[in-house]
Amino acid sequence: MKKINFIKIKRPYVFVPMCLDFMHHGHVNILNKANKKGNIILGLMRDEAISKYKKKPINNFQQRKTIALTLKNVKKILPVHDLNDFLKLSKKYKFEYFVHGDDWKKKPQSYIRKKVIDLLSEWNGKVIDVPYTKKISSSLIKFRIHKNDK
């Protein structure tokens, strides 16, 4: 697999955290919006991080990373071990943009969203909440598969 030197990635840095258990058009919508702002650095959630606020992923981290490496707009992948990594990685790399689906405004991630907004404001970084793509999510895909298995 091709490794990309982080130093060679030009700014602006656009951090996009995702689980990517099942890649779907909602993910594509977020990545397309993020790509308009700069170079995408994907924060790929580790299995244990996902399990803290969602059901365990079907595909493991390495499988999801393999899929993510095929995405042409993604310049770098950083593992995310827990939601606090959003803050640690933001401090380290000073992302100009932090792009997330707007579902994190009211879900278990809402507390970290406020902290990310406050932190990025220290260097004029911006949080961009992409409107949720209706009628699609990895959880919905899992439900439909499970329902059809019966």
N, C-alpha and C. Protein backbone atom coordinates (compact mmCIF):
# COMPACT_ATOMS: atom_id res chain seq x y z
N MET A 1 0.83 -1.18 0.00
CA MET A 1 0.00 0.00 0.00
C MET A 1 0.87 1.24 0.00
N LYS A 2 0.41 2.25 -0.71
CA LYS A 2 1.14 3.49 -0.83
C LYS A 2 1.09 4.29 0.47
N LYS A 3 2.26 4.70 0.95
CA LYS A 3 2.33 5.54 2.14
C LYS A 3 2.56 6.97 1.69
N ILE A 4 1.85 7.90 2.32
CA ILE A 4 1.97 9.31 1.97
C ILE A 4 2.66 10.03 3.11
N ASN A 5 3.68 10.78 2.80
CA ASN A 5 4.39 11.56 3.80
C ASN A 5 3.52 12.74 4.21
N PHE A 6 3.21 12.81 5.49
CA PHE A 6 2.32 13.85 5.99
C PHE A 6 2.87 15.24 5.72
N ILE A 7 4.19 15.39 5.79
CA ILE A 7 4.82 16.69 5.59
C ILE A 7 4.56 17.21 4.18
N LYS A 8 4.40 16.32 3.21
CA LYS A 8 4.20 16.74 1.82
C LYS A 8 2.76 17.11 1.50
N ILE A 9 1.86 16.91 2.45
CA ILE A 9 0.47 17.28 2.22
C ILE A 9 0.35 18.78 2.44
N LYS A 10 -0.16 19.45 1.42
CA LYS A 10 -0.30 20.90 1.51
C LYS A 10 -1.53 21.28 2.31
N ARG A 11 -1.45 22.41 2.93
CA ARG A 11 -2.59 22.98 3.65
C ARG A 11 -3.54 23.61 2.65
N PRO A 12 -4.78 23.75 2.99
CA PRO A 12 -5.40 23.52 4.28
C PRO A 12 -5.66 22.03 4.55
N TYR A 13 -5.55 21.67 5.84
CA TYR A 13 -5.86 20.32 6.30
C TYR A 13 -7.34 20.26 6.67
N VAL A 14 -8.00 19.25 6.16
CA VAL A 14 -9.42 19.04 6.43
C VAL A 14 -9.57 17.67 7.11
N PHE A 15 -9.87 17.68 8.40
CA PHE A 15 -10.00 16.44 9.15
C PHE A 15 -11.43 15.95 9.06
N VAL A 16 -11.58 14.68 8.69
CA VAL A 16 -12.89 14.07 8.55
C VAL A 16 -12.88 12.74 9.31
N PRO A 17 -13.47 12.70 10.51
CA PRO A 17 -13.53 11.42 11.22
C PRO A 17 -14.69 10.57 10.71
N MET A 18 -14.43 9.27 10.57
CA MET A 18 -15.47 8.36 10.09
C MET A 18 -15.24 6.96 10.65
N CYS A 19 -16.34 6.21 10.73
CA CYS A 19 -16.25 4.78 11.08
C CYS A 19 -16.03 3.96 9.81
N LEU A 20 -16.78 4.28 8.77
CA LEU A 20 -16.72 3.60 7.47
C LEU A 20 -16.97 2.10 7.55
N ASP A 21 -17.89 1.69 8.41
CA ASP A 21 -18.16 0.26 8.49
C ASP A 21 -18.73 -0.25 7.17
N PHE A 22 -19.66 0.48 6.61
CA PHE A 22 -20.15 0.22 5.26
C PHE A 22 -20.08 1.54 4.51
N MET A 23 -19.26 1.64 3.51
CA MET A 23 -19.15 2.85 2.72
C MET A 23 -20.46 3.05 1.96
N HIS A 24 -21.03 4.25 2.04
CA HIS A 24 -22.29 4.54 1.36
C HIS A 24 -22.30 5.98 0.87
N HIS A 25 -23.35 6.36 0.17
CA HIS A 25 -23.39 7.68 -0.46
C HIS A 25 -23.43 8.83 0.56
N GLY A 26 -23.82 8.58 1.78
CA GLY A 26 -23.74 9.62 2.82
C GLY A 26 -22.29 9.97 3.11
N HIS A 27 -21.43 8.95 3.17
CA HIS A 27 -19.99 9.19 3.35
C HIS A 27 -19.44 9.98 2.17
N VAL A 28 -19.85 9.60 0.98
CA VAL A 28 -19.39 10.29 -0.23
C VAL A 28 -19.79 11.76 -0.19
N ASN A 29 -21.01 12.05 0.25
CA ASN A 29 -21.45 13.45 0.36
C ASN A 29 -20.53 14.24 1.29
N ILE A 30 -20.19 13.67 2.44
CA ILE A 30 -19.31 14.35 3.40
C ILE A 30 -17.93 14.56 2.79
N LEU A 31 -17.38 13.53 2.18
CA LEU A 31 -16.04 13.63 1.60
C LEU A 31 -16.00 14.64 0.45
N ASN A 32 -17.05 14.69 -0.36
CA ASN A 32 -17.09 15.67 -1.45
C ASN A 32 -17.11 17.10 -0.92
N LYS A 33 -17.88 17.35 0.13
CA LYS A 33 -17.91 18.69 0.73
C LYS A 33 -16.55 19.02 1.35
N ALA A 34 -15.96 18.06 2.03
CA ALA A 34 -14.66 18.26 2.67
C ALA A 34 -13.58 18.56 1.62
N ASN A 35 -13.63 17.86 0.51
CA ASN A 35 -12.62 18.02 -0.53
C ASN A 35 -12.60 19.44 -1.10
N LYS A 36 -13.72 20.13 -1.05
CA LYS A 36 -13.79 21.50 -1.55
C LYS A 36 -13.02 22.47 -0.66
N LYS A 37 -12.72 22.06 0.58
CA LYS A 37 -12.04 22.93 1.54
C LYS A 37 -10.53 22.73 1.58
N GLY A 38 -10.06 21.58 1.08
CA GLY A 38 -8.61 21.34 1.13
C GLY A 38 -8.31 19.86 1.08
N ASN A 39 -7.17 19.48 1.67
CA ASN A 39 -6.69 18.11 1.63
C ASN A 39 -7.24 17.31 2.81
N ILE A 40 -7.90 16.22 2.48
CA ILE A 40 -8.59 15.41 3.48
C ILE A 40 -7.63 14.51 4.24
N ILE A 41 -7.72 14.60 5.55
CA ILE A 41 -7.05 13.69 6.46
C ILE A 41 -8.18 12.94 7.15
N LEU A 42 -8.29 11.67 6.87
CA LEU A 42 -9.38 10.86 7.40
C LEU A 42 -9.00 10.33 8.78
N GLY A 43 -9.85 10.61 9.76
CA GLY A 43 -9.69 10.04 11.08
C GLY A 43 -10.52 8.77 11.14
N LEU A 44 -9.88 7.64 10.96
CA LEU A 44 -10.60 6.37 10.91
C LEU A 44 -10.73 5.80 12.32
N MET A 45 -11.96 5.65 12.75
CA MET A 45 -12.26 5.18 14.10
C MET A 45 -11.81 3.72 14.28
N ARG A 46 -11.09 3.47 15.36
CA ARG A 46 -10.70 2.11 15.73
C ARG A 46 -11.95 1.37 16.22
N ASP A 47 -11.92 0.05 16.19
CA ASP A 47 -13.07 -0.76 16.59
C ASP A 47 -13.52 -0.43 18.01
N GLU A 48 -12.57 -0.31 18.93
CA GLU A 48 -12.92 -0.04 20.32
C GLU A 48 -13.54 1.34 20.49
N ALA A 49 -13.15 2.30 19.67
CA ALA A 49 -13.74 3.64 19.73
C ALA A 49 -15.19 3.61 19.28
N ILE A 50 -15.47 2.89 18.23
CA ILE A 50 -16.84 2.78 17.72
C ILE A 50 -17.72 2.10 18.76
N SER A 51 -17.20 1.04 19.36
CA SER A 51 -17.98 0.25 20.31
C SER A 51 -18.40 1.03 21.55
N LYS A 52 -17.75 2.16 21.80
CA LYS A 52 -18.10 2.96 22.97
C LYS A 52 -19.42 3.71 22.80
N TYR A 53 -19.84 3.95 21.56
CA TYR A 53 -21.09 4.70 21.36
C TYR A 53 -22.00 4.12 20.28
N LYS A 54 -21.56 3.04 19.63
CA LYS A 54 -22.37 2.34 18.64
C LYS A 54 -22.15 0.85 18.82
N LYS A 55 -22.86 0.07 18.01
CA LYS A 55 -22.60 -1.37 18.01
C LYS A 55 -21.24 -1.64 17.37
N LYS A 56 -20.67 -2.76 17.74
CA LYS A 56 -19.37 -3.18 17.19
C LYS A 56 -19.44 -3.22 15.66
N PRO A 57 -18.41 -2.71 14.98
CA PRO A 57 -18.45 -2.73 13.51
C PRO A 57 -18.38 -4.15 12.95
N ILE A 58 -18.96 -4.33 11.79
CA ILE A 58 -18.92 -5.61 11.08
C ILE A 58 -17.51 -5.83 10.52
N ASN A 59 -16.98 -4.81 9.89
CA ASN A 59 -15.64 -4.87 9.31
C ASN A 59 -14.64 -4.33 10.33
N ASN A 60 -13.52 -5.03 10.49
CA ASN A 60 -12.54 -4.56 11.47
C ASN A 60 -11.74 -3.37 10.93
N PHE A 61 -10.95 -2.78 11.80
CA PHE A 61 -10.20 -1.57 11.45
C PHE A 61 -9.37 -1.77 10.19
N GLN A 62 -8.63 -2.84 10.12
CA GLN A 62 -7.74 -3.06 8.96
C GLN A 62 -8.54 -3.18 7.67
N GLN A 63 -9.69 -3.84 7.71
CA GLN A 63 -10.53 -3.96 6.52
C GLN A 63 -11.06 -2.59 6.10
N ARG A 64 -11.49 -1.81 7.08
CA ARG A 64 -12.01 -0.47 6.78
C ARG A 64 -10.90 0.45 6.28
N LYS A 65 -9.70 0.29 6.81
CA LYS A 65 -8.55 1.08 6.35
C LYS A 65 -8.21 0.74 4.90
N THR A 66 -8.27 -0.54 4.56
CA THR A 66 -8.00 -0.97 3.19
C THR A 66 -8.97 -0.29 2.22
N ILE A 67 -10.23 -0.23 2.61
CA ILE A 67 -11.23 0.45 1.78
C ILE A 67 -10.92 1.94 1.70
N ALA A 68 -10.62 2.55 2.83
CA ALA A 68 -10.36 3.99 2.87
C ALA A 68 -9.15 4.38 2.03
N LEU A 69 -8.15 3.51 1.96
CA LEU A 69 -6.96 3.81 1.16
C LEU A 69 -7.25 3.90 -0.33
N THR A 70 -8.40 3.39 -0.77
CA THR A 70 -8.75 3.47 -2.19
C THR A 70 -9.44 4.79 -2.55
N LEU A 71 -9.78 5.59 -1.54
CA LEU A 71 -10.50 6.84 -1.79
C LEU A 71 -9.54 7.90 -2.29
N LYS A 72 -9.74 8.36 -3.51
CA LYS A 72 -8.77 9.25 -4.16
C LYS A 72 -8.59 10.59 -3.45
N ASN A 73 -9.61 11.08 -2.77
CA ASN A 73 -9.50 12.39 -2.12
C ASN A 73 -8.85 12.34 -0.75
N VAL A 74 -8.68 11.16 -0.20
CA VAL A 74 -8.09 11.02 1.13
C VAL A 74 -6.57 11.01 0.99
N LYS A 75 -5.93 11.99 1.64
CA LYS A 75 -4.47 12.13 1.53
C LYS A 75 -3.72 11.41 2.64
N LYS A 76 -4.38 11.20 3.78
CA LYS A 76 -3.74 10.56 4.93
C LYS A 76 -4.83 9.96 5.79
N ILE A 77 -4.50 8.85 6.46
CA ILE A 77 -5.43 8.22 7.41
C ILE A 77 -4.76 8.19 8.77
N LEU A 78 -5.48 8.71 9.76
CA LEU A 78 -5.01 8.68 11.14
C LEU A 78 -5.98 7.84 11.96
N PRO A 79 -5.48 6.90 12.75
CA PRO A 79 -6.39 6.11 13.59
C PRO A 79 -6.93 6.95 14.74
N VAL A 80 -8.20 6.75 15.06
CA VAL A 80 -8.85 7.45 16.18
C VAL A 80 -9.22 6.38 17.22
N HIS A 81 -8.59 6.49 18.40
CA HIS A 81 -8.78 5.49 19.45
C HIS A 81 -9.96 5.79 20.36
N ASP A 82 -10.32 7.05 20.48
CA ASP A 82 -11.51 7.46 21.22
C ASP A 82 -11.86 8.88 20.80
N LEU A 83 -13.01 9.36 21.23
CA LEU A 83 -13.46 10.68 20.79
C LEU A 83 -12.52 11.80 21.23
N ASN A 84 -11.80 11.60 22.33
CA ASN A 84 -10.84 12.61 22.78
C ASN A 84 -9.68 12.79 21.79
N ASP A 85 -9.45 11.79 20.94
CA ASP A 85 -8.44 11.94 19.89
C ASP A 85 -8.79 13.07 18.93
N PHE A 86 -10.08 13.41 18.82
CA PHE A 86 -10.46 14.55 17.98
C PHE A 86 -9.71 15.79 18.45
N LEU A 87 -9.61 15.94 19.76
CA LEU A 87 -8.92 17.10 20.34
C LEU A 87 -7.40 16.97 20.22
N LYS A 88 -6.89 15.79 20.54
CA LYS A 88 -5.44 15.57 20.49
C LYS A 88 -4.90 15.78 19.08
N LEU A 89 -5.58 15.20 18.09
CA LEU A 89 -5.13 15.34 16.71
C LEU A 89 -5.29 16.77 16.20
N SER A 90 -6.37 17.43 16.61
CA SER A 90 -6.57 18.83 16.21
C SER A 90 -5.47 19.72 16.76
N LYS A 91 -5.09 19.50 18.02
CA LYS A 91 -4.00 20.29 18.62
C LYS A 91 -2.69 20.04 17.89
N LYS A 92 -2.43 18.79 17.57
CA LYS A 92 -1.16 18.42 16.94
C LYS A 92 -1.04 18.98 15.53
N TYR A 93 -2.09 18.87 14.72
CA TYR A 93 -2.01 19.22 13.31
C TYR A 93 -2.64 20.57 12.95
N LYS A 94 -3.34 21.19 13.89
CA LYS A 94 -3.96 22.50 13.66
C LYS A 94 -4.79 22.49 12.37
N PHE A 95 -5.75 21.58 12.32
CA PHE A 95 -6.62 21.48 11.15
C PHE A 95 -7.32 22.81 10.89
N GLU A 96 -7.35 23.21 9.63
CA GLU A 96 -8.10 24.41 9.27
C GLU A 96 -9.61 24.13 9.29
N TYR A 97 -9.96 22.89 8.95
CA TYR A 97 -11.37 22.50 8.92
C TYR A 97 -11.54 21.12 9.58
N PHE A 98 -12.66 20.97 10.25
CA PHE A 98 -13.05 19.71 10.87
C PHE A 98 -14.45 19.44 10.35
N VAL A 99 -14.59 18.43 9.51
CA VAL A 99 -15.85 18.18 8.82
C VAL A 99 -16.49 16.90 9.36
N HIS A 100 -17.76 17.01 9.71
CA HIS A 100 -18.48 15.88 10.30
C HIS A 100 -19.94 15.97 9.87
N GLY A 101 -20.60 14.83 9.80
CA GLY A 101 -22.04 14.84 9.57
C GLY A 101 -22.74 15.52 10.73
N ASP A 102 -23.80 16.25 10.46
CA ASP A 102 -24.45 17.04 11.51
C ASP A 102 -25.18 16.18 12.55
N ASP A 103 -25.17 14.87 12.38
CA ASP A 103 -25.79 14.00 13.38
C ASP A 103 -25.06 14.06 14.72
N TRP A 104 -23.84 14.55 14.74
CA TRP A 104 -23.10 14.63 16.02
C TRP A 104 -23.56 15.80 16.87
N LYS A 105 -24.47 16.60 16.38
CA LYS A 105 -25.01 17.71 17.18
C LYS A 105 -25.89 17.20 18.32
N LYS A 106 -26.53 16.04 18.14
CA LYS A 106 -27.49 15.59 19.15
C LYS A 106 -27.24 14.16 19.63
N LYS A 107 -26.23 13.54 19.16
CA LYS A 107 -25.94 12.16 19.54
C LYS A 107 -24.89 12.13 20.64
N PRO A 108 -24.40 10.94 20.99
CA PRO A 108 -23.40 10.85 22.07
C PRO A 108 -22.13 11.69 21.84
N GLN A 109 -21.90 12.11 20.62
CA GLN A 109 -20.71 12.89 20.32
C GLN A 109 -20.89 14.39 20.53
N SER A 110 -22.06 14.84 20.91
CA SER A 110 -22.33 16.29 20.99
C SER A 110 -21.40 17.01 21.97
N TYR A 111 -21.02 16.34 23.06
CA TYR A 111 -20.14 16.99 24.03
C TYR A 111 -18.76 17.27 23.43
N ILE A 112 -18.26 16.37 22.59
CA ILE A 112 -16.94 16.55 22.00
C ILE A 112 -16.99 17.61 20.89
N ARG A 113 -18.14 17.73 20.23
CA ARG A 113 -18.30 18.73 19.18
C ARG A 113 -18.05 20.13 19.73
N LYS A 114 -18.64 20.43 20.87
CA LYS A 114 -18.45 21.75 21.50
C LYS A 114 -16.98 21.99 21.81
N LYS A 115 -16.30 20.98 22.32
CA LYS A 115 -14.88 21.11 22.65
C LYS A 115 -14.04 21.34 21.39
N VAL A 116 -14.39 20.64 20.30
CA VAL A 116 -13.66 20.81 19.04
C VAL A 116 -13.86 22.22 18.50
N ILE A 117 -15.09 22.72 18.56
CA ILE A 117 -15.37 24.09 18.09
C ILE A 117 -14.53 25.09 18.88
N ASP A 118 -14.53 24.94 20.21
CA ASP A 118 -13.74 25.86 21.06
C ASP A 118 -12.25 25.78 20.75
N LEU A 119 -11.75 24.57 20.58
CA LEU A 119 -10.32 24.39 20.32
C LEU A 119 -9.92 24.98 18.97
N LEU A 120 -10.65 24.65 17.92
CA LEU A 120 -10.30 25.15 16.59
C LEU A 120 -10.39 26.67 16.51
N SER A 121 -11.24 27.27 17.31
CA SER A 121 -11.37 28.74 17.29
C SER A 121 -10.06 29.42 17.72
N GLU A 122 -9.20 28.69 18.45
CA GLU A 122 -7.93 29.25 18.89
C GLU A 122 -7.03 29.62 17.71
N TRP A 123 -7.16 28.96 16.59
CA TRP A 123 -6.35 29.29 15.40
C TRP A 123 -7.24 29.57 14.19
N ASN A 124 -8.47 29.99 14.45
CA ASN A 124 -9.44 30.33 13.41
C ASN A 124 -9.84 29.14 12.53
N GLY A 125 -9.73 27.94 13.08
CA GLY A 125 -10.22 26.76 12.38
C GLY A 125 -11.74 26.72 12.45
N LYS A 126 -12.34 25.99 11.54
CA LYS A 126 -13.79 25.94 11.45
C LYS A 126 -14.30 24.51 11.49
N VAL A 127 -15.40 24.32 12.19
CA VAL A 127 -16.12 23.05 12.17
C VAL A 127 -17.23 23.19 11.13
N ILE A 128 -17.31 22.23 10.25
CA ILE A 128 -18.35 22.22 9.23
C ILE A 128 -19.22 21.00 9.46
N ASP A 129 -20.49 21.24 9.71
CA ASP A 129 -21.47 20.18 9.92
C ASP A 129 -22.20 19.94 8.60
N VAL A 130 -21.96 18.80 8.00
CA VAL A 130 -22.60 18.47 6.73
C VAL A 130 -23.97 17.86 7.03
N PRO A 131 -25.03 18.38 6.39
CA PRO A 131 -26.37 17.84 6.63
C PRO A 131 -26.42 16.32 6.41
N TYR A 132 -27.06 15.66 7.35
CA TYR A 132 -27.20 14.21 7.33
C TYR A 132 -27.90 13.77 6.05
N THR A 133 -27.37 12.76 5.39
CA THR A 133 -27.99 12.22 4.19
C THR A 133 -29.15 11.33 4.62
N LYS A 134 -30.35 11.72 4.23
CA LYS A 134 -31.55 11.01 4.68
C LYS A 134 -31.61 9.58 4.16
N LYS A 135 -32.15 8.73 5.00
CA LYS A 135 -32.46 7.34 4.68
C LYS A 135 -31.24 6.47 4.40
N ILE A 136 -30.06 6.85 4.96
CA ILE A 136 -28.89 6.00 4.82
C ILE A 136 -27.97 6.16 6.02
N SER A 137 -27.47 5.05 6.50
CA SER A 137 -26.45 5.02 7.54
C SER A 137 -25.93 3.59 7.61
N SER A 138 -24.76 3.42 8.18
CA SER A 138 -24.23 2.05 8.36
C SER A 138 -25.16 1.24 9.25
N SER A 139 -25.72 1.88 10.27
CA SER A 139 -26.65 1.17 11.17
C SER A 139 -27.89 0.70 10.42
N LEU A 140 -28.40 1.54 9.53
CA LEU A 140 -29.57 1.16 8.73
C LEU A 140 -29.23 0.00 7.78
N ILE A 141 -28.05 0.04 7.19
CA ILE A 141 -27.63 -1.06 6.31
C ILE A 141 -27.56 -2.36 7.10
N LYS A 142 -26.95 -2.31 8.30
CA LYS A 142 -26.87 -3.51 9.15
C LYS A 142 -28.26 -4.03 9.48
N PHE A 143 -29.18 -3.13 9.82
CA PHE A 143 -30.55 -3.51 10.14
C PHE A 143 -31.21 -4.21 8.96
N ARG A 144 -31.06 -3.63 7.79
CA ARG A 144 -31.69 -4.21 6.58
C ARG A 144 -31.11 -5.60 6.28
N ILE A 145 -29.80 -5.75 6.43
CA ILE A 145 -29.18 -7.05 6.19
C ILE A 145 -29.72 -8.07 7.20
N HIS A 146 -29.76 -7.68 8.46
CA HIS A 146 -30.25 -8.58 9.52
C HIS A 146 -31.72 -8.96 9.26
N LYS A 147 -32.53 -7.99 8.87
CA LYS A 147 -33.95 -8.22 8.60
C LYS A 147 -34.12 -9.19 7.44
N ASN A 148 -33.29 -9.06 6.42
CA ASN A 148 -33.41 -9.93 5.25
C ASN A 148 -32.87 -11.34 5.50
N ASP A 149 -32.09 -11.51 6.54
CA ASP A 149 -31.57 -12.83 6.89
C ASP A 149 -32.63 -13.73 7.51
N LYS A 150 -33.70 -13.14 7.96
CA LYS A 150 -34.74 -13.92 8.67
C LYS A 150 -35.71 -14.55 7.71
